[in-house]
Amino acid sequence: SEGTLLATGSYDGFARIWTKDGNLASTLGQHKGPIFALKWNKKGNFILSAGVDKTTIIWDAHTGEAKQQFPFHSAPALDVDWQSNNTFASCSTDMCIHVCKLGQDRPIKTFQGHTNEVNAIKWDPTGNLLASCSDDMTLKIWSMKQDSCVHDLQAHSKEIYTIKWSPTGPGTNNPSANLMLASASFDSTVRLWDVDRGICIHTLTKHQEPVYSVAFSPDGRHLASGSFDKCVHIWNTQTGALVHSYRGTGGIFEVCWNAAGDKVGASASDGSVCVLDLRK
């Protein structure tokens, strides 16, 4: 059932599944070197991992066995994202993106166009479009219907570390709101994009150092961002205005919202985790 197990990927090359009372349920050992990304599929029956060993692996979450290994990248795999319960995309320092399907022994699609390592990939809420961001300072939007990118979004002046789609538009709980994409960059800015039109709507410029994480609130009305400058900023996604700011004790590497949309969690480089209550 939903939310009863936690999966972790480690620099020791092992993925592990834990129960919510902190007991180790299973150990998944096949990667040769650090695991850089780990994702559950929606159904919760498979876990996907990406490693420095250039491979991605689908694991059976119940048995802990490797279902299939995908050795298609020629350099470390940095991120993975499920498109459906058995199809996923992976990206790598080899500048390529592969879309793979369980049971297929070749990628069903390969996207090429980035000119430096691809740091993160995310499918939009409908699973039709794939966004990617790279050290080449661009953000690209891809469709399974074509080989070249649908949009090549160039505005950042340094590497783009990560991206997130808003939980808005078709296929979401907020269908009447517009779909947006947020990008976090080492140029210390966050940008909000209208992907339909291929334009930047807002540039959020209050951070002083590289931005490592962005997360939309469940209603899509706010965006949290976390930076190496130790700050968590909360923004209004419609106006681009800064709504809240919090300064932690270390560089912020990850931010996330609770389901109710009234709290933001943040993890910092000094090992601390803080929870911000936005009702106060």
C-alpha atoms as a PDB file:
ATOM      1  CA  SER A   1       0.000   0.000   0.000  1.00  0.00           C
ATOM      2  CA  GLU A   2       0.985   3.627  -0.594  1.00  0.00           C
ATOM      3  CA  GLY A   3       3.769   5.110   1.505  1.00  0.00           C
ATOM      4  CA  THR A   4       4.744   2.015   3.496  1.00  0.00           C
ATOM      5  CA  LEU A   5       8.232   1.443   2.056  1.00  0.00           C
ATOM      6  CA  LEU A   6      11.258   3.661   1.449  1.00  0.00           C
ATOM      7  CA  ALA A   7      14.005   2.958  -1.082  1.00  0.00           C
ATOM      8  CA  THR A   8      17.518   4.401  -0.876  1.00  0.00           C
ATOM      9  CA  GLY A   9      20.472   4.337  -3.264  1.00  0.00           C
ATOM     10  CA  SER A  10      23.981   4.696  -1.929  1.00  0.00           C
ATOM     11  CA  TYR A  11      27.576   5.424  -2.863  1.00  0.00           C
ATOM     12  CA  ASP A  12      28.374   1.856  -1.750  1.00  0.00           C
ATOM     13  CA  GLY A  13      26.581   0.580  -4.885  1.00  0.00           C
ATOM     14  CA  PHE A  14      23.625  -0.921  -3.022  1.00  0.00           C
ATOM     15  CA  ALA A  15      19.978   0.061  -3.163  1.00  0.00           C
ATOM     16  CA  ARG A  16      17.965  -0.802  -0.072  1.00  0.00           C
ATOM     17  CA  ILE A  17      14.270  -1.048   0.742  1.00  0.00           C
ATOM     18  CA  TRP A  18      13.208  -0.069   4.264  1.00  0.00           C
ATOM     19  CA  THR A  19       9.957  -0.356   6.190  1.00  0.00           C
ATOM     20  CA  LYS A  20       8.639   2.849   7.709  1.00  0.00           C
ATOM     21  CA  ASP A  21       9.681   1.743  11.209  1.00  0.00           C
ATOM     22  CA  GLY A  22      13.279   1.714   9.953  1.00  0.00           C
ATOM     23  CA  ASN A  23      13.839  -2.000   9.367  1.00  0.00           C
ATOM     24  CA  LEU A  24      15.757  -3.196   6.307  1.00  0.00           C
ATOM     25  CA  ALA A  25      13.388  -5.174   4.060  1.00  0.00           C
ATOM     26  CA  SER A  26      15.784  -6.009   1.217  1.00  0.00           C
ATOM     27  CA  THR A  27      19.171  -5.178  -0.285  1.00  0.00           C
ATOM     28  CA  LEU A  28      19.550  -4.769  -4.041  1.00  0.00           C
ATOM     29  CA  GLY A  29      23.136  -5.406  -5.086  1.00  0.00           C
ATOM     30  CA  GLN A  30      24.192  -5.400  -8.718  1.00  0.00           C
ATOM     31  CA  HIS A  31      25.664  -1.978  -9.439  1.00  0.00           C
ATOM     32  CA  LYS A  32      29.437  -1.658  -9.566  1.00  0.00           C
ATOM     33  CA  GLY A  33      29.902   1.718  -7.905  1.00  0.00           C
ATOM     34  CA  PRO A  34      27.741   4.590  -6.626  1.00  0.00           C
ATOM     35  CA  ILE A  35      24.015   4.851  -7.417  1.00  0.00           C
ATOM     36  CA  PHE A  36      23.090   8.347  -8.601  1.00  0.00           C
ATOM     37  CA  ALA A  37      19.290   8.037  -8.969  1.00  0.00           C
ATOM     38  CA  LEU A  38      16.518   5.775  -7.726  1.00  0.00           C
ATOM     39  CA  LYS A  39      12.771   5.895  -8.508  1.00  0.00           C
ATOM     40  CA  TRP A  40       9.682   3.826  -7.700  1.00  0.00           C
ATOM     41  CA  ASN A  41       7.195   3.327 -10.528  1.00  0.00           C
ATOM     42  CA  LYS A  42       3.620   4.496  -9.882  1.00  0.00           C
ATOM     43  CA  LYS A  43       2.336   0.983  -9.236  1.00  0.00           C
ATOM     44  CA  GLY A  44       5.042   0.420  -6.626  1.00  0.00           C
ATOM     45  CA  ASN A  45       6.117  -2.983  -7.977  1.00  0.00           C
ATOM     46  CA  PHE A  46       9.381  -1.873  -9.622  1.00  0.00           C
ATOM     47  CA  ILE A  47      12.332   0.287  -8.591  1.00  0.00           C
ATOM     48  CA  LEU A  48      14.640   1.852 -11.154  1.00  0.00           C
ATOM     49  CA  SER A  49      18.264   2.731 -10.422  1.00  0.00           C
ATOM     50  CA  ALA A  50      21.021   4.547 -12.324  1.00  0.00           C
ATOM     51  CA  GLY A  51      24.707   4.175 -11.603  1.00  0.00           C
ATOM     52  CA  VAL A  52      28.228   5.348 -12.214  1.00  0.00           C
ATOM     53  CA  ASP A  53      28.716   1.916 -13.864  1.00  0.00           C
ATOM     54  CA  LYS A  54      26.830   3.287 -16.940  1.00  0.00           C
ATOM     55  CA  THR A  55      23.833   0.990 -16.390  1.00  0.00           C
ATOM     56  CA  THR A  56      20.234   1.361 -15.317  1.00  0.00           C
ATOM     57  CA  ILE A  57      18.457  -1.529 -13.592  1.00  0.00           C
ATOM     58  CA  ILE A  58      14.780  -2.355 -13.009  1.00  0.00           C
ATOM     59  CA  TRP A  59      14.300  -4.212  -9.713  1.00  0.00           C
ATOM     60  CA  ASP A  60      11.342  -6.256  -8.500  1.00  0.00           C
ATOM     61  CA  ALA A  61      10.406  -4.419  -5.300  1.00  0.00           C
ATOM     62  CA  HIS A  62       8.828  -7.536  -3.751  1.00  0.00           C
ATOM     63  CA  THR A  63      11.611 -10.071  -4.370  1.00  0.00           C
ATOM     64  CA  GLY A  64      14.574  -7.683  -4.531  1.00  0.00           C
ATOM     65  CA  GLU A  65      15.759  -9.299  -7.759  1.00  0.00           C
ATOM     66  CA  ALA A  66      17.043  -7.442 -10.812  1.00  0.00           C
ATOM     67  CA  LYS A  67      14.420  -7.799 -13.576  1.00  0.00           C
ATOM     68  CA  GLN A  68      16.516  -6.251 -16.334  1.00  0.00           C
ATOM     69  CA  GLN A  69      19.780  -4.383 -16.750  1.00  0.00           C
ATOM     70  CA  PHE A  70      20.079  -1.703 -19.450  1.00  0.00           C
ATOM     71  CA  PRO A  71      23.761  -1.169 -20.434  1.00  0.00           C
ATOM     72  CA  PHE A  72      23.213   1.455 -23.137  1.00  0.00           C
ATOM     73  CA  HIS A  73      25.057   4.531 -21.859  1.00  0.00           C
ATOM     74  CA  SER A  74      28.763   4.949 -22.561  1.00  0.00           C
ATOM     75  CA  ALA A  75      29.370   6.933 -19.343  1.00  0.00           C
ATOM     76  CA  PRO A  76      27.776   7.267 -15.859  1.00  0.00           C
ATOM     77  CA  ALA A  77      23.951   7.420 -15.783  1.00  0.00           C
ATOM     78  CA  LEU A  78      22.866  10.462 -13.759  1.00  0.00           C
ATOM     79  CA  ASP A  79      19.065  10.366 -13.667  1.00  0.00           C
ATOM     80  CA  VAL A  80      16.061   8.197 -14.501  1.00  0.00           C
ATOM     81  CA  ASP A  81      12.325   8.887 -14.705  1.00  0.00           C
ATOM     82  CA  TRP A  82       9.401   6.519 -15.331  1.00  0.00           C
ATOM     83  CA  GLN A  83       7.062   7.349 -18.215  1.00  0.00           C
ATOM     84  CA  SER A  84       4.696   4.492 -17.329  1.00  0.00           C
ATOM     85  CA  ASN A  85       4.853   1.422 -15.082  1.00  0.00           C
ATOM     86  CA  ASN A  86       7.282  -0.336 -17.446  1.00  0.00           C
ATOM     87  CA  THR A  87       8.858   2.412 -19.603  1.00  0.00           C
ATOM     88  CA  PHE A  88      11.451   4.963 -18.494  1.00  0.00           C
ATOM     89  CA  ALA A  89      14.012   7.498 -19.658  1.00  0.00           C
ATOM     90  CA  SER A  90      17.635   7.735 -18.539  1.00  0.00           C
ATOM     91  CA  CYS A  91      20.312  10.396 -19.030  1.00  0.00           C
ATOM     92  CA  SER A  92      24.059  10.410 -18.705  1.00  0.00           C
ATOM     93  CA  THR A  93      27.335  12.271 -18.830  1.00  0.00           C
ATOM     94  CA  ASP A  94      27.539  10.775 -22.367  1.00  0.00           C
ATOM     95  CA  MET A  95      25.104  13.575 -23.455  1.00  0.00           C
ATOM     96  CA  CYS A  96      22.452  11.023 -24.530  1.00  0.00           C
ATOM     97  CA  ILE A  97      18.938  10.257 -23.338  1.00  0.00           C
ATOM     98  CA  HIS A  98      17.544   6.746 -23.829  1.00  0.00           C
ATOM     99  CA  VAL A  99      13.910   5.689 -23.479  1.00  0.00           C
ATOM    100  CA  CYS A 100      13.763   2.010 -22.508  1.00  0.00           C
ATOM    101  CA  LYS A 101      11.021  -0.533 -21.906  1.00  0.00           C
ATOM    102  CA  LEU A 102      11.040  -3.650 -19.733  1.00  0.00           C
ATOM    103  CA  GLY A 103      11.466  -6.676 -22.003  1.00  0.00           C
ATOM    104  CA  GLN A 104      13.057  -4.727 -24.876  1.00  0.00           C
ATOM    105  CA  ASP A 105      16.765  -5.314 -25.410  1.00  0.00           C
ATOM    106  CA  ARG A 106      17.374  -1.986 -27.198  1.00  0.00           C
ATOM    107  CA  PRO A 107      16.240   1.561 -26.339  1.00  0.00           C
ATOM    108  CA  ILE A 108      12.860   2.317 -27.955  1.00  0.00           C
ATOM    109  CA  LYS A 109      14.035   5.915 -28.513  1.00  0.00           C
ATOM    110  CA  THR A 110      17.286   7.847 -28.194  1.00  0.00           C
ATOM    111  CA  PHE A 111      17.406  11.636 -27.950  1.00  0.00           C
ATOM    112  CA  GLN A 112      20.619  13.405 -28.960  1.00  0.00           C
ATOM    113  CA  GLY A 113      21.218  17.145 -29.047  1.00  0.00           C
ATOM    114  CA  HIS A 114      22.807  18.164 -25.757  1.00  0.00           C
ATOM    115  CA  THR A 115      26.469  19.130 -26.061  1.00  0.00           C
ATOM    116  CA  ASN A 116      27.460  18.364 -22.464  1.00  0.00           C
ATOM    117  CA  GLU A 117      26.371  16.007 -19.693  1.00  0.00           C
ATOM    118  CA  VAL A 118      22.623  15.702 -19.095  1.00  0.00           C
ATOM    119  CA  ASN A 119      21.935  16.206 -15.387  1.00  0.00           C
ATOM    120  CA  ALA A 120      18.216  15.537 -15.016  1.00  0.00           C
ATOM    121  CA  ILE A 121      15.163  14.377 -16.959  1.00  0.00           C
ATOM    122  CA  LYS A 122      11.451  14.551 -16.119  1.00  0.00           C
ATOM    123  CA  TRP A 123       8.303  13.445 -17.972  1.00  0.00           C
ATOM    124  CA  ASP A 124       5.417  15.914 -17.905  1.00  0.00           C
ATOM    125  CA  PRO A 125       2.215  14.863 -16.052  1.00  0.00           C
ATOM    126  CA  THR A 126       0.715  13.319 -19.214  1.00  0.00           C
ATOM    127  CA  GLY A 127       3.886  11.386 -20.087  1.00  0.00           C
ATOM    128  CA  ASN A 128       3.919  12.936 -23.572  1.00  0.00           C
ATOM    129  CA  LEU A 129       6.839  15.339 -23.192  1.00  0.00           C
ATOM    130  CA  LEU A 130      10.251  14.775 -21.644  1.00  0.00           C
ATOM    131  CA  ALA A 131      12.254  17.705 -20.280  1.00  0.00           C
ATOM    132  CA  SER A 132      16.028  17.505 -19.903  1.00  0.00           C
ATOM    133  CA  CYS A 133      18.655  19.881 -18.518  1.00  0.00           C
ATOM    134  CA  SER A 134      22.363  19.934 -19.047  1.00  0.00           C
ATOM    135  CA  ASP A 135      25.763  21.385 -18.292  1.00  0.00           C
ATOM    136  CA  ASP A 136      25.458  22.899 -21.795  1.00  0.00           C
ATOM    137  CA  MET A 137      23.206  25.514 -20.085  1.00  0.00           C
ATOM    138  CA  THR A 138      20.120  24.492 -22.081  1.00  0.00           C
ATOM    139  CA  LEU A 139      16.821  22.940 -21.232  1.00  0.00           C
ATOM    140  CA  LYS A 140      15.308  20.771 -23.965  1.00  0.00           C
ATOM    141  CA  ILE A 141      11.801  19.392 -24.474  1.00  0.00           C
ATOM    142  CA  TRP A 142      11.421  16.092 -26.350  1.00  0.00           C
ATOM    143  CA  SER A 143       8.501  14.125 -27.783  1.00  0.00           C
ATOM    144  CA  MET A 144       8.374  10.423 -28.663  1.00  0.00           C
ATOM    145  CA  LYS A 145       6.898  11.555 -31.997  1.00  0.00           C
ATOM    146  CA  GLN A 146      10.115  13.177 -33.249  1.00  0.00           C
ATOM    147  CA  ASP A 147      13.892  12.808 -33.033  1.00  0.00           C
ATOM    148  CA  SER A 148      14.909  16.443 -32.635  1.00  0.00           C
ATOM    149  CA  CYS A 149      13.822  18.462 -29.604  1.00  0.00           C
ATOM    150  CA  VAL A 150      10.455  20.259 -29.617  1.00  0.00           C
ATOM    151  CA  HIS A 151      11.949  23.252 -27.748  1.00  0.00           C
ATOM    152  CA  ASP A 152      15.532  24.291 -27.046  1.00  0.00           C
ATOM    153  CA  LEU A 153      15.253  26.711 -24.124  1.00  0.00           C
ATOM    154  CA  GLN A 154      18.333  28.897 -23.755  1.00  0.00           C
ATOM    155  CA  ALA A 155      18.494  31.568 -21.081  1.00  0.00           C
ATOM    156  CA  HIS A 156      20.611  30.293 -18.182  1.00  0.00           C
ATOM    157  CA  SER A 157      24.245  31.416 -18.093  1.00  0.00           C
ATOM    158  CA  LYS A 158      25.619  28.362 -16.260  1.00  0.00           C
ATOM    159  CA  GLU A 159      24.891  24.650 -15.834  1.00  0.00           C
ATOM    160  CA  ILE A 160      21.280  23.620 -15.127  1.00  0.00           C
ATOM    161  CA  TYR A 161      21.237  21.170 -12.236  1.00  0.00           C
ATOM    162  CA  THR A 162      17.613  20.080 -12.064  1.00  0.00           C
ATOM    163  CA  ILE A 163      14.084  20.623 -13.378  1.00  0.00           C
ATOM    164  CA  LYS A 164      10.491  20.034 -12.212  1.00  0.00           C
ATOM    165  CA  TRP A 165       7.114  20.141 -13.959  1.00  0.00           C
ATOM    166  CA  SER A 166       4.212  21.820 -12.205  1.00  0.00           C
ATOM    167  CA  PRO A 167       1.346  19.548 -11.036  1.00  0.00           C
ATOM    168  CA  THR A 168      -1.027  21.500 -13.298  1.00  0.00           C
ATOM    169  CA  GLY A 169      -2.815  21.064 -16.608  1.00  0.00           C
ATOM    170  CA  PRO A 170      -4.145  17.868 -18.239  1.00  0.00           C
ATOM    171  CA  GLY A 171      -3.783  14.676 -16.218  1.00  0.00           C
ATOM    172  CA  THR A 172      -3.356  16.474 -12.864  1.00  0.00           C
ATOM    173  CA  ASN A 173      -5.506  17.534  -9.897  1.00  0.00           C
ATOM    174  CA  ASN A 174      -5.329  21.123 -11.188  1.00  0.00           C
ATOM    175  CA  PRO A 175      -6.468  20.676 -14.823  1.00  0.00           C
ATOM    176  CA  SER A 176      -7.525  24.286 -15.426  1.00  0.00           C
ATOM    177  CA  ALA A 177      -4.131  25.765 -14.481  1.00  0.00           C
ATOM    178  CA  ASN A 178      -1.330  26.157 -17.039  1.00  0.00           C
ATOM    179  CA  LEU A 179       1.527  23.664 -17.183  1.00  0.00           C
ATOM    180  CA  MET A 180       4.908  25.143 -16.209  1.00  0.00           C
ATOM    181  CA  LEU A 181       8.466  23.902 -15.951  1.00  0.00           C
ATOM    182  CA  ALA A 182      10.950  25.129 -13.334  1.00  0.00           C
ATOM    183  CA  SER A 183      14.720  25.002 -13.841  1.00  0.00           C
ATOM    184  CA  ALA A 184      17.427  25.422 -11.171  1.00  0.00           C
ATOM    185  CA  SER A 185      20.855  26.591 -12.255  1.00  0.00           C
ATOM    186  CA  PHE A 186      24.388  27.189 -11.026  1.00  0.00           C
ATOM    187  CA  ASP A 187      23.907  30.784 -12.277  1.00  0.00           C
ATOM    188  CA  SER A 188      21.992  31.220  -8.957  1.00  0.00           C
ATOM    189  CA  THR A 189      18.625  31.721 -10.685  1.00  0.00           C
ATOM    190  CA  VAL A 190      15.441  29.727 -11.043  1.00  0.00           C
ATOM    191  CA  ARG A 191      13.426  30.101 -14.224  1.00  0.00           C
ATOM    192  CA  LEU A 192       9.754  29.328 -14.830  1.00  0.00           C
ATOM    193  CA  TRP A 193       8.834  28.347 -18.378  1.00  0.00           C
ATOM    194  CA  ASP A 194       5.647  28.183 -20.418  1.00  0.00           C
ATOM    195  CA  VAL A 195       6.496  25.053 -22.390  1.00  0.00           C
ATOM    196  CA  ASP A 196       3.571  25.322 -24.842  1.00  0.00           C
ATOM    197  CA  ARG A 197       4.935  28.638 -26.066  1.00  0.00           C
ATOM    198  CA  GLY A 198       8.589  27.846 -25.387  1.00  0.00           C
ATOM    199  CA  ILE A 199       9.166  31.026 -23.378  1.00  0.00           C
ATOM    200  CA  CYS A 200      10.526  31.990 -19.966  1.00  0.00           C
ATOM    201  CA  ILE A 201       7.729  33.506 -17.842  1.00  0.00           C
ATOM    202  CA  HIS A 202       9.696  34.445 -14.708  1.00  0.00           C
ATOM    203  CA  THR A 203      13.334  34.624 -13.657  1.00  0.00           C
ATOM    204  CA  LEU A 204      13.671  34.281  -9.875  1.00  0.00           C
ATOM    205  CA  THR A 205      16.865  36.021  -8.793  1.00  0.00           C
ATOM    206  CA  LYS A 206      17.119  36.200  -4.973  1.00  0.00           C
ATOM    207  CA  HIS A 207      19.622  33.347  -4.474  1.00  0.00           C
ATOM    208  CA  GLN A 208      23.343  34.195  -4.211  1.00  0.00           C
ATOM    209  CA  GLU A 209      24.801  30.755  -5.018  1.00  0.00           C
ATOM    210  CA  PRO A 210      24.011  27.693  -7.195  1.00  0.00           C
ATOM    211  CA  VAL A 211      20.418  26.434  -6.906  1.00  0.00           C
ATOM    212  CA  TYR A 212      20.235  22.670  -6.373  1.00  0.00           C
ATOM    213  CA  SER A 213      16.549  21.973  -5.863  1.00  0.00           C
ATOM    214  CA  VAL A 214      13.095  23.221  -6.833  1.00  0.00           C
ATOM    215  CA  ALA A 215       9.666  21.851  -5.911  1.00  0.00           C
ATOM    216  CA  PHE A 216       6.113  22.943  -6.742  1.00  0.00           C
ATOM    217  CA  SER A 217       3.399  23.008  -4.092  1.00  0.00           C
ATOM    218  CA  PRO A 218       0.609  20.446  -4.719  1.00  0.00           C
ATOM    219  CA  ASP A 219      -1.676  23.155  -6.181  1.00  0.00           C
ATOM    220  CA  GLY A 220       1.132  24.577  -8.360  1.00  0.00           C
ATOM    221  CA  ARG A 221       0.673  28.072  -6.938  1.00  0.00           C
ATOM    222  CA  HIS A 222       4.003  28.169  -5.134  1.00  0.00           C
ATOM    223  CA  LEU A 223       7.545  27.025  -5.833  1.00  0.00           C
ATOM    224  CA  ALA A 224      10.184  26.261  -3.208  1.00  0.00           C
ATOM    225  CA  SER A 225      13.858  26.598  -4.133  1.00  0.00           C
ATOM    226  CA  GLY A 226      16.963  25.582  -2.218  1.00  0.00           C
ATOM    227  CA  SER A 227      20.477  26.877  -2.802  1.00  0.00           C
ATOM    228  CA  PHE A 228      24.065  26.513  -1.668  1.00  0.00           C
ATOM    229  CA  ASP A 229      23.569  30.003  -0.145  1.00  0.00           C
ATOM    230  CA  LYS A 230      21.748  28.196   2.746  1.00  0.00           C
ATOM    231  CA  CYS A 231      18.402  29.777   1.810  1.00  0.00           C
ATOM    232  CA  VAL A 232      15.020  28.264   1.045  1.00  0.00           C
ATOM    233  CA  HIS A 233      12.821  30.681  -0.901  1.00  0.00           C
ATOM    234  CA  ILE A 234       9.086  30.263  -1.530  1.00  0.00           C
ATOM    235  CA  TRP A 235       7.781  31.981  -4.659  1.00  0.00           C
ATOM    236  CA  ASN A 236       4.373  32.796  -6.121  1.00  0.00           C
ATOM    237  CA  THR A 237       4.423  31.030  -9.503  1.00  0.00           C
ATOM    238  CA  GLN A 238       1.873  33.385 -11.089  1.00  0.00           C
ATOM    239  CA  THR A 239       3.594  36.668 -10.225  1.00  0.00           C
ATOM    240  CA  GLY A 240       7.171  35.525  -9.585  1.00  0.00           C
ATOM    241  CA  ALA A 241       7.078  37.321  -6.219  1.00  0.00           C
ATOM    242  CA  LEU A 242       9.080  36.078  -3.226  1.00  0.00           C
ATOM    243  CA  VAL A 243       6.612  35.027  -0.508  1.00  0.00           C
ATOM    244  CA  HIS A 244       8.780  33.495   2.249  1.00  0.00           C
ATOM    245  CA  SER A 245      12.493  33.131   2.955  1.00  0.00           C
ATOM    246  CA  TYR A 246      14.297  30.901   5.398  1.00  0.00           C
ATOM    247  CA  ARG A 247      18.022  30.690   6.114  1.00  0.00           C
ATOM    248  CA  GLY A 248      19.390  27.323   7.255  1.00  0.00           C
ATOM    249  CA  THR A 249      22.740  26.259   8.681  1.00  0.00           C
ATOM    250  CA  GLY A 250      24.154  24.659   5.523  1.00  0.00           C
ATOM    251  CA  GLY A 251      23.807  24.642   1.755  1.00  0.00           C
ATOM    252  CA  ILE A 252      20.341  23.373   0.772  1.00  0.00           C
ATOM    253  CA  PHE A 253      20.452  20.373  -1.550  1.00  0.00           C
ATOM    254  CA  GLU A 254      16.815  19.235  -1.542  1.00  0.00           C
ATOM    255  CA  VAL A 255      13.401  20.789  -0.904  1.00  0.00           C
ATOM    256  CA  CYS A 256       9.969  19.130  -0.958  1.00  0.00           C
ATOM    257  CA  TRP A 257       6.352  19.854   0.022  1.00  0.00           C
ATOM    258  CA  ASN A 258       3.953  17.837   2.146  1.00  0.00           C
ATOM    259  CA  ALA A 259       0.689  16.680   0.546  1.00  0.00           C
ATOM    260  CA  ALA A 260      -1.349  19.427   2.247  1.00  0.00           C
ATOM    261  CA  GLY A 261       0.900  22.121   0.778  1.00  0.00           C
ATOM    262  CA  ASP A 262       1.476  23.944   4.064  1.00  0.00           C
ATOM    263  CA  LYS A 263       4.949  22.630   4.952  1.00  0.00           C
ATOM    264  CA  VAL A 264       8.286  22.481   3.140  1.00  0.00           C
ATOM    265  CA  GLY A 265      11.084  20.113   4.098  1.00  0.00           C
ATOM    266  CA  ALA A 266      14.714  20.951   3.333  1.00  0.00           C
ATOM    267  CA  SER A 267      17.965  19.038   3.752  1.00  0.00           C
ATOM    268  CA  ALA A 268      21.301  20.805   4.200  1.00  0.00           C
ATOM    269  CA  SER A 269      24.986  20.061   3.619  1.00  0.00           C
ATOM    270  CA  ASP A 270      25.722  20.044   7.367  1.00  0.00           C
ATOM    271  CA  GLY A 271      23.443  17.009   7.813  1.00  0.00           C
ATOM    272  CA  SER A 272      20.470  18.956   9.156  1.00  0.00           C
ATOM    273  CA  VAL A 273      16.882  18.609   7.966  1.00  0.00           C
ATOM    274  CA  CYS A 274      14.358  21.343   8.663  1.00  0.00           C
ATOM    275  CA  VAL A 275      10.599  21.585   8.168  1.00  0.00           C
ATOM    276  CA  LEU A 276       9.110  25.010   7.481  1.00  0.00           C
ATOM    277  CA  ASP A 277       5.523  25.584   8.584  1.00  0.00           C
ATOM    278  CA  LEU A 278       4.094  28.116   6.132  1.00  0.00           C
ATOM    279  CA  ARG A 279       0.908  28.653   8.172  1.00  0.00           C
ATOM    280  CA  LYS A 280       2.870  30.598  10.763  1.00  0.00           C
END
